[in-house]
Amino acid sequence: MKKFFKSVLVLTIATGLVAFTTPVEEKSVKPEESTVTWKGYKVTGSHEGTVQLQSGNLEFDGDQLTGGEFVVDMSTLISTDLTGEYKGKLEVHLKSDDFFGVEKFPTASLKITDVKSNGKNSYEVTGDLTVKGKTNPVTFDMSVYGNKATANVKIDRTKYDIRYGSGSFFDDLGDKTIYDEFDLVVDLQF
């Protein structure tokens, strides 16, 4: 009889704990209202543009960010700092195998693997970034306010086998050197 009451007590406590646990809520990102802006640097200046989200979601436990996943449509990669012939040439080159190999790798993705709170609405986020079929961890800060999240992400392109014009791999490039790191500024609406 004691075992029966002990079992009922344990079951009641376990049920109560489950009832007070907040379920993880997944919030879908609105790709058409979100922006991903890129900026790449070279010795003689920089170029910038955008690429569009294909899909994404953020996961929350109550109001605390706990995870998320995103897919970027690499075929939408464009330059916004050039016009005409030079804009077209840069976009074709960025989509070629020298850079992102968009024909073979039409998407890039990020899966959040760890989130640490840095204070109210601020997080240190670590995720697995996959570009050109190669996956590496990235860590960045993200802020979440209401139905908006923002992040600035610095990416070392050479970790994804994007070595064109890299001074880390080629000598005597001079003013044709393209720096290994590029920036993403991400504004998400969900």
C-alpha atoms as a PDB file:
ATOM      1  CA  MET A   1       0.000   0.000   0.000  1.00  0.00           C
ATOM      2  CA  LYS A   2       2.886   2.374   0.805  1.00  0.00           C
ATOM      3  CA  LYS A   3       4.347   1.767  -2.672  1.00  0.00           C
ATOM      4  CA  PHE A   4       0.997   2.667  -4.225  1.00  0.00           C
ATOM      5  CA  PHE A   5       0.766   5.987  -2.334  1.00  0.00           C
ATOM      6  CA  LYS A   6       4.434   6.733  -3.062  1.00  0.00           C
ATOM      7  CA  SER A   7       3.817   6.123  -6.794  1.00  0.00           C
ATOM      8  CA  VAL A   8       0.729   8.347  -6.772  1.00  0.00           C
ATOM      9  CA  LEU A   9       2.673  11.105  -4.989  1.00  0.00           C
ATOM     10  CA  VAL A  10       5.556  10.944  -7.489  1.00  0.00           C
ATOM     11  CA  LEU A  11       3.106  10.956 -10.421  1.00  0.00           C
ATOM     12  CA  THR A  12       1.224  13.934  -8.953  1.00  0.00           C
ATOM     13  CA  ILE A  13       4.444  15.935  -8.459  1.00  0.00           C
ATOM     14  CA  ALA A  14       5.681  15.084 -11.955  1.00  0.00           C
ATOM     15  CA  THR A  15       2.335  16.086 -13.488  1.00  0.00           C
ATOM     16  CA  GLY A  16       2.410  19.354 -11.544  1.00  0.00           C
ATOM     17  CA  LEU A  17       5.910  20.167 -12.769  1.00  0.00           C
ATOM     18  CA  VAL A  18       4.928  19.511 -16.359  1.00  0.00           C
ATOM     19  CA  ALA A  19       1.882  21.740 -15.950  1.00  0.00           C
ATOM     20  CA  PHE A  20       4.113  24.649 -14.818  1.00  0.00           C
ATOM     21  CA  THR A  21       6.668  24.202 -17.597  1.00  0.00           C
ATOM     22  CA  THR A  22       6.241  26.734 -20.387  1.00  0.00           C
ATOM     23  CA  PRO A  23       6.218  25.011 -23.773  1.00  0.00           C
ATOM     24  CA  VAL A  24       8.670  26.185 -26.407  1.00  0.00           C
ATOM     25  CA  GLU A  25       6.908  28.483 -28.845  1.00  0.00           C
ATOM     26  CA  GLU A  26       8.065  28.632 -32.449  1.00  0.00           C
ATOM     27  CA  LYS A  27       7.555  31.954 -34.221  1.00  0.00           C
ATOM     28  CA  SER A  28       7.837  32.017 -38.009  1.00  0.00           C
ATOM     29  CA  VAL A  29       9.939  34.759 -39.557  1.00  0.00           C
ATOM     30  CA  LYS A  30       8.265  36.779 -42.326  1.00  0.00           C
ATOM     31  CA  PRO A  31      10.813  36.619 -45.193  1.00  0.00           C
ATOM     32  CA  GLU A  32       9.100  39.381 -47.206  1.00  0.00           C
ATOM     33  CA  GLU A  33       9.376  41.821 -44.258  1.00  0.00           C
ATOM     34  CA  SER A  34      12.879  40.802 -43.134  1.00  0.00           C
ATOM     35  CA  THR A  35      16.214  41.941 -44.584  1.00  0.00           C
ATOM     36  CA  VAL A  36      19.695  40.468 -44.813  1.00  0.00           C
ATOM     37  CA  THR A  37      22.323  42.974 -45.932  1.00  0.00           C
ATOM     38  CA  TRP A  38      25.882  41.899 -46.748  1.00  0.00           C
ATOM     39  CA  LYS A  39      29.071  43.930 -46.996  1.00  0.00           C
ATOM     40  CA  GLY A  40      32.383  42.634 -48.332  1.00  0.00           C
ATOM     41  CA  TYR A  41      35.696  44.447 -48.108  1.00  0.00           C
ATOM     42  CA  LYS A  42      38.728  44.760 -50.362  1.00  0.00           C
ATOM     43  CA  VAL A  43      41.904  46.823 -50.219  1.00  0.00           C
ATOM     44  CA  THR A  44      40.424  49.501 -52.475  1.00  0.00           C
ATOM     45  CA  GLY A  45      36.970  49.716 -50.870  1.00  0.00           C
ATOM     46  CA  SER A  46      33.904  47.576 -50.347  1.00  0.00           C
ATOM     47  CA  HIS A  47      30.724  46.292 -51.947  1.00  0.00           C
ATOM     48  CA  GLU A  48      27.340  45.704 -50.385  1.00  0.00           C
ATOM     49  CA  GLY A  49      23.995  44.250 -51.216  1.00  0.00           C
ATOM     50  CA  THR A  50      21.195  42.017 -50.037  1.00  0.00           C
ATOM     51  CA  VAL A  51      20.112  38.399 -50.064  1.00  0.00           C
ATOM     52  CA  GLN A  52      16.607  37.172 -49.196  1.00  0.00           C
ATOM     53  CA  LEU A  53      15.467  34.776 -46.527  1.00  0.00           C
ATOM     54  CA  GLN A  54      13.628  31.769 -47.889  1.00  0.00           C
ATOM     55  CA  SER A  55      12.306  30.684 -44.484  1.00  0.00           C
ATOM     56  CA  GLY A  56      13.038  30.920 -40.799  1.00  0.00           C
ATOM     57  CA  ASN A  57      11.792  30.631 -37.261  1.00  0.00           C
ATOM     58  CA  LEU A  58      12.797  31.636 -33.769  1.00  0.00           C
ATOM     59  CA  GLU A  59      12.052  29.520 -30.699  1.00  0.00           C
ATOM     60  CA  PHE A  60      11.126  30.989 -27.330  1.00  0.00           C
ATOM     61  CA  ASP A  61      10.579  29.639 -23.847  1.00  0.00           C
ATOM     62  CA  GLY A  62       8.237  32.303 -22.515  1.00  0.00           C
ATOM     63  CA  ASP A  63       9.921  35.523 -23.617  1.00  0.00           C
ATOM     64  CA  GLN A  64      13.453  34.036 -23.688  1.00  0.00           C
ATOM     65  CA  LEU A  65      15.063  33.150 -27.026  1.00  0.00           C
ATOM     66  CA  THR A  66      16.125  29.475 -27.060  1.00  0.00           C
ATOM     67  CA  GLY A  67      16.760  28.571 -30.711  1.00  0.00           C
ATOM     68  CA  GLY A  68      15.905  29.013 -34.356  1.00  0.00           C
ATOM     69  CA  GLU A  69      16.650  28.034 -37.900  1.00  0.00           C
ATOM     70  CA  PHE A  70      16.981  29.988 -41.161  1.00  0.00           C
ATOM     71  CA  VAL A  71      17.402  29.304 -44.873  1.00  0.00           C
ATOM     72  CA  VAL A  72      18.684  31.949 -47.306  1.00  0.00           C
ATOM     73  CA  ASP A  73      17.946  31.866 -51.051  1.00  0.00           C
ATOM     74  CA  MET A  74      21.400  32.472 -52.547  1.00  0.00           C
ATOM     75  CA  SER A  75      19.959  33.060 -56.034  1.00  0.00           C
ATOM     76  CA  THR A  76      18.605  36.399 -54.722  1.00  0.00           C
ATOM     77  CA  LEU A  77      22.106  37.726 -53.952  1.00  0.00           C
ATOM     78  CA  ILE A  78      22.391  41.232 -55.404  1.00  0.00           C
ATOM     79  CA  SER A  79      24.674  44.254 -55.199  1.00  0.00           C
ATOM     80  CA  THR A  80      23.106  47.544 -54.106  1.00  0.00           C
ATOM     81  CA  ASP A  81      26.161  49.786 -54.424  1.00  0.00           C
ATOM     82  CA  LEU A  82      26.685  49.408 -58.180  1.00  0.00           C
ATOM     83  CA  THR A  83      24.555  49.984 -61.268  1.00  0.00           C
ATOM     84  CA  GLY A  84      24.570  48.883 -64.876  1.00  0.00           C
ATOM     85  CA  GLU A  85      27.261  46.653 -66.333  1.00  0.00           C
ATOM     86  CA  TYR A  86      29.421  46.533 -63.178  1.00  0.00           C
ATOM     87  CA  LYS A  87      26.460  45.538 -60.998  1.00  0.00           C
ATOM     88  CA  GLY A  88      25.670  42.639 -63.335  1.00  0.00           C
ATOM     89  CA  LYS A  89      29.293  41.503 -63.505  1.00  0.00           C
ATOM     90  CA  LEU A  90      29.694  41.505 -59.723  1.00  0.00           C
ATOM     91  CA  GLU A  91      26.439  39.590 -59.168  1.00  0.00           C
ATOM     92  CA  VAL A  92      27.372  36.934 -61.751  1.00  0.00           C
ATOM     93  CA  HIS A  93      30.829  36.592 -60.192  1.00  0.00           C
ATOM     94  CA  LEU A  94      29.464  36.306 -56.632  1.00  0.00           C
ATOM     95  CA  LYS A  95      27.093  33.534 -57.765  1.00  0.00           C
ATOM     96  CA  SER A  96      29.885  31.685 -59.611  1.00  0.00           C
ATOM     97  CA  ASP A  97      32.040  28.896 -58.200  1.00  0.00           C
ATOM     98  CA  ASP A  98      34.724  31.512 -57.337  1.00  0.00           C
ATOM     99  CA  PHE A  99      32.428  32.631 -54.527  1.00  0.00           C
ATOM    100  CA  PHE A 100      29.092  31.043 -53.529  1.00  0.00           C
ATOM    101  CA  GLY A 101      28.543  28.449 -56.307  1.00  0.00           C
ATOM    102  CA  VAL A 102      24.818  29.192 -56.345  1.00  0.00           C
ATOM    103  CA  GLU A 103      23.976  26.724 -59.125  1.00  0.00           C
ATOM    104  CA  LYS A 104      25.246  23.805 -57.032  1.00  0.00           C
ATOM    105  CA  PHE A 105      24.444  25.354 -53.619  1.00  0.00           C
ATOM    106  CA  PRO A 106      21.204  27.359 -54.014  1.00  0.00           C
ATOM    107  CA  THR A 107      20.692  27.890 -50.274  1.00  0.00           C
ATOM    108  CA  ALA A 108      22.703  28.659 -47.147  1.00  0.00           C
ATOM    109  CA  SER A 109      21.400  27.922 -43.656  1.00  0.00           C
ATOM    110  CA  LEU A 110      21.887  28.676 -39.989  1.00  0.00           C
ATOM    111  CA  LYS A 111      20.719  26.469 -37.119  1.00  0.00           C
ATOM    112  CA  ILE A 112      21.004  28.011 -33.660  1.00  0.00           C
ATOM    113  CA  THR A 113      22.684  25.566 -31.269  1.00  0.00           C
ATOM    114  CA  ASP A 114      23.166  27.678 -28.122  1.00  0.00           C
ATOM    115  CA  VAL A 115      21.706  30.871 -26.673  1.00  0.00           C
ATOM    116  CA  LYS A 116      22.994  32.777 -23.636  1.00  0.00           C
ATOM    117  CA  SER A 117      21.226  35.801 -22.230  1.00  0.00           C
ATOM    118  CA  ASN A 118      23.365  38.973 -22.105  1.00  0.00           C
ATOM    119  CA  GLY A 119      20.677  40.984 -20.337  1.00  0.00           C
ATOM    120  CA  LYS A 120      17.186  42.143 -21.161  1.00  0.00           C
ATOM    121  CA  ASN A 121      16.398  41.357 -24.824  1.00  0.00           C
ATOM    122  CA  SER A 122      20.069  40.677 -25.631  1.00  0.00           C
ATOM    123  CA  TYR A 123      21.638  37.303 -26.402  1.00  0.00           C
ATOM    124  CA  GLU A 124      24.916  35.698 -27.397  1.00  0.00           C
ATOM    125  CA  VAL A 125      23.918  33.214 -30.090  1.00  0.00           C
ATOM    126  CA  THR A 126      25.974  30.329 -31.468  1.00  0.00           C
ATOM    127  CA  GLY A 127      24.839  28.442 -34.526  1.00  0.00           C
ATOM    128  CA  ASP A 128      25.940  26.104 -37.273  1.00  0.00           C
ATOM    129  CA  LEU A 129      26.260  28.086 -40.515  1.00  0.00           C
ATOM    130  CA  THR A 130      26.237  26.061 -43.739  1.00  0.00           C
ATOM    131  CA  VAL A 131      27.515  27.712 -46.926  1.00  0.00           C
ATOM    132  CA  LYS A 132      28.597  25.795 -50.056  1.00  0.00           C
ATOM    133  CA  GLY A 133      27.925  22.510 -48.251  1.00  0.00           C
ATOM    134  CA  LYS A 134      30.406  23.302 -45.458  1.00  0.00           C
ATOM    135  CA  THR A 135      29.242  23.813 -41.865  1.00  0.00           C
ATOM    136  CA  ASN A 136      31.099  25.843 -39.235  1.00  0.00           C
ATOM    137  CA  PRO A 137      30.058  27.428 -35.934  1.00  0.00           C
ATOM    138  CA  VAL A 138      29.495  31.191 -35.733  1.00  0.00           C
ATOM    139  CA  THR A 139      28.831  33.293 -32.645  1.00  0.00           C
ATOM    140  CA  PHE A 140      27.153  36.702 -32.682  1.00  0.00           C
ATOM    141  CA  ASP A 141      24.954  39.018 -30.624  1.00  0.00           C
ATOM    142  CA  MET A 142      21.207  39.207 -31.243  1.00  0.00           C
ATOM    143  CA  SER A 143      18.633  41.616 -29.833  1.00  0.00           C
ATOM    144  CA  VAL A 144      14.936  40.780 -29.680  1.00  0.00           C
ATOM    145  CA  TYR A 145      12.241  43.450 -29.165  1.00  0.00           C
ATOM    146  CA  GLY A 146       8.587  42.554 -29.601  1.00  0.00           C
ATOM    147  CA  ASN A 147       8.251  40.900 -33.023  1.00  0.00           C
ATOM    148  CA  LYS A 148      11.650  42.046 -34.295  1.00  0.00           C
ATOM    149  CA  ALA A 149      15.157  40.605 -33.953  1.00  0.00           C
ATOM    150  CA  THR A 150      18.437  42.111 -35.144  1.00  0.00           C
ATOM    151  CA  ALA A 151      21.931  40.688 -35.444  1.00  0.00           C
ATOM    152  CA  ASN A 152      25.336  41.591 -36.853  1.00  0.00           C
ATOM    153  CA  VAL A 153      27.294  38.558 -38.004  1.00  0.00           C
ATOM    154  CA  LYS A 154      30.940  38.491 -39.119  1.00  0.00           C
ATOM    155  CA  ILE A 155      31.774  35.530 -41.379  1.00  0.00           C
ATOM    156  CA  ASP A 156      35.169  34.239 -42.478  1.00  0.00           C
ATOM    157  CA  ARG A 157      34.468  33.154 -46.065  1.00  0.00           C
ATOM    158  CA  THR A 158      37.593  30.977 -46.267  1.00  0.00           C
ATOM    159  CA  LYS A 159      36.033  28.500 -43.805  1.00  0.00           C
ATOM    160  CA  TYR A 160      33.483  27.774 -46.561  1.00  0.00           C
ATOM    161  CA  ASP A 161      36.066  27.277 -49.311  1.00  0.00           C
ATOM    162  CA  ILE A 162      35.551  30.767 -50.736  1.00  0.00           C
ATOM    163  CA  ARG A 163      39.156  31.738 -51.391  1.00  0.00           C
ATOM    164  CA  TYR A 164      38.998  33.932 -54.493  1.00  0.00           C
ATOM    165  CA  GLY A 165      41.256  36.974 -54.029  1.00  0.00           C
ATOM    166  CA  SER A 166      42.156  36.013 -50.452  1.00  0.00           C
ATOM    167  CA  GLY A 167      45.514  37.277 -49.238  1.00  0.00           C
ATOM    168  CA  SER A 168      45.561  34.294 -46.856  1.00  0.00           C
ATOM    169  CA  PHE A 169      45.920  31.909 -49.799  1.00  0.00           C
ATOM    170  CA  PHE A 170      47.425  33.914 -52.661  1.00  0.00           C
ATOM    171  CA  ASP A 171      50.559  36.070 -52.797  1.00  0.00           C
ATOM    172  CA  ASP A 172      51.118  39.242 -54.794  1.00  0.00           C
ATOM    173  CA  LEU A 173      47.445  40.247 -55.074  1.00  0.00           C
ATOM    174  CA  GLY A 174      48.248  43.838 -54.146  1.00  0.00           C
ATOM    175  CA  ASP A 175      45.219  46.102 -54.408  1.00  0.00           C
ATOM    176  CA  LYS A 176      43.140  43.209 -55.789  1.00  0.00           C
ATOM    177  CA  THR A 177      43.091  41.542 -52.344  1.00  0.00           C
ATOM    178  CA  ILE A 178      39.615  40.797 -50.967  1.00  0.00           C
ATOM    179  CA  TYR A 179      39.464  40.465 -47.199  1.00  0.00           C
ATOM    180  CA  ASP A 180      38.422  37.107 -45.757  1.00  0.00           C
ATOM    181  CA  GLU A 181      35.681  38.415 -43.468  1.00  0.00           C
ATOM    182  CA  PHE A 182      32.396  39.889 -44.583  1.00  0.00           C
ATOM    183  CA  ASP A 183      29.489  41.236 -42.567  1.00  0.00           C
ATOM    184  CA  LEU A 184      25.799  40.411 -42.461  1.00  0.00           C
ATOM    185  CA  VAL A 185      23.295  42.772 -40.885  1.00  0.00           C
ATOM    186  CA  VAL A 186      20.073  40.891 -40.242  1.00  0.00           C
ATOM    187  CA  ASP A 187      16.691  42.433 -39.407  1.00  0.00           C
ATOM    188  CA  LEU A 188      13.993  39.831 -38.784  1.00  0.00           C
ATOM    189  CA  GLN A 189      10.244  40.385 -38.508  1.00  0.00           C
ATOM    190  CA  PHE A 190       8.134  37.595 -37.039  1.00  0.00           C
END
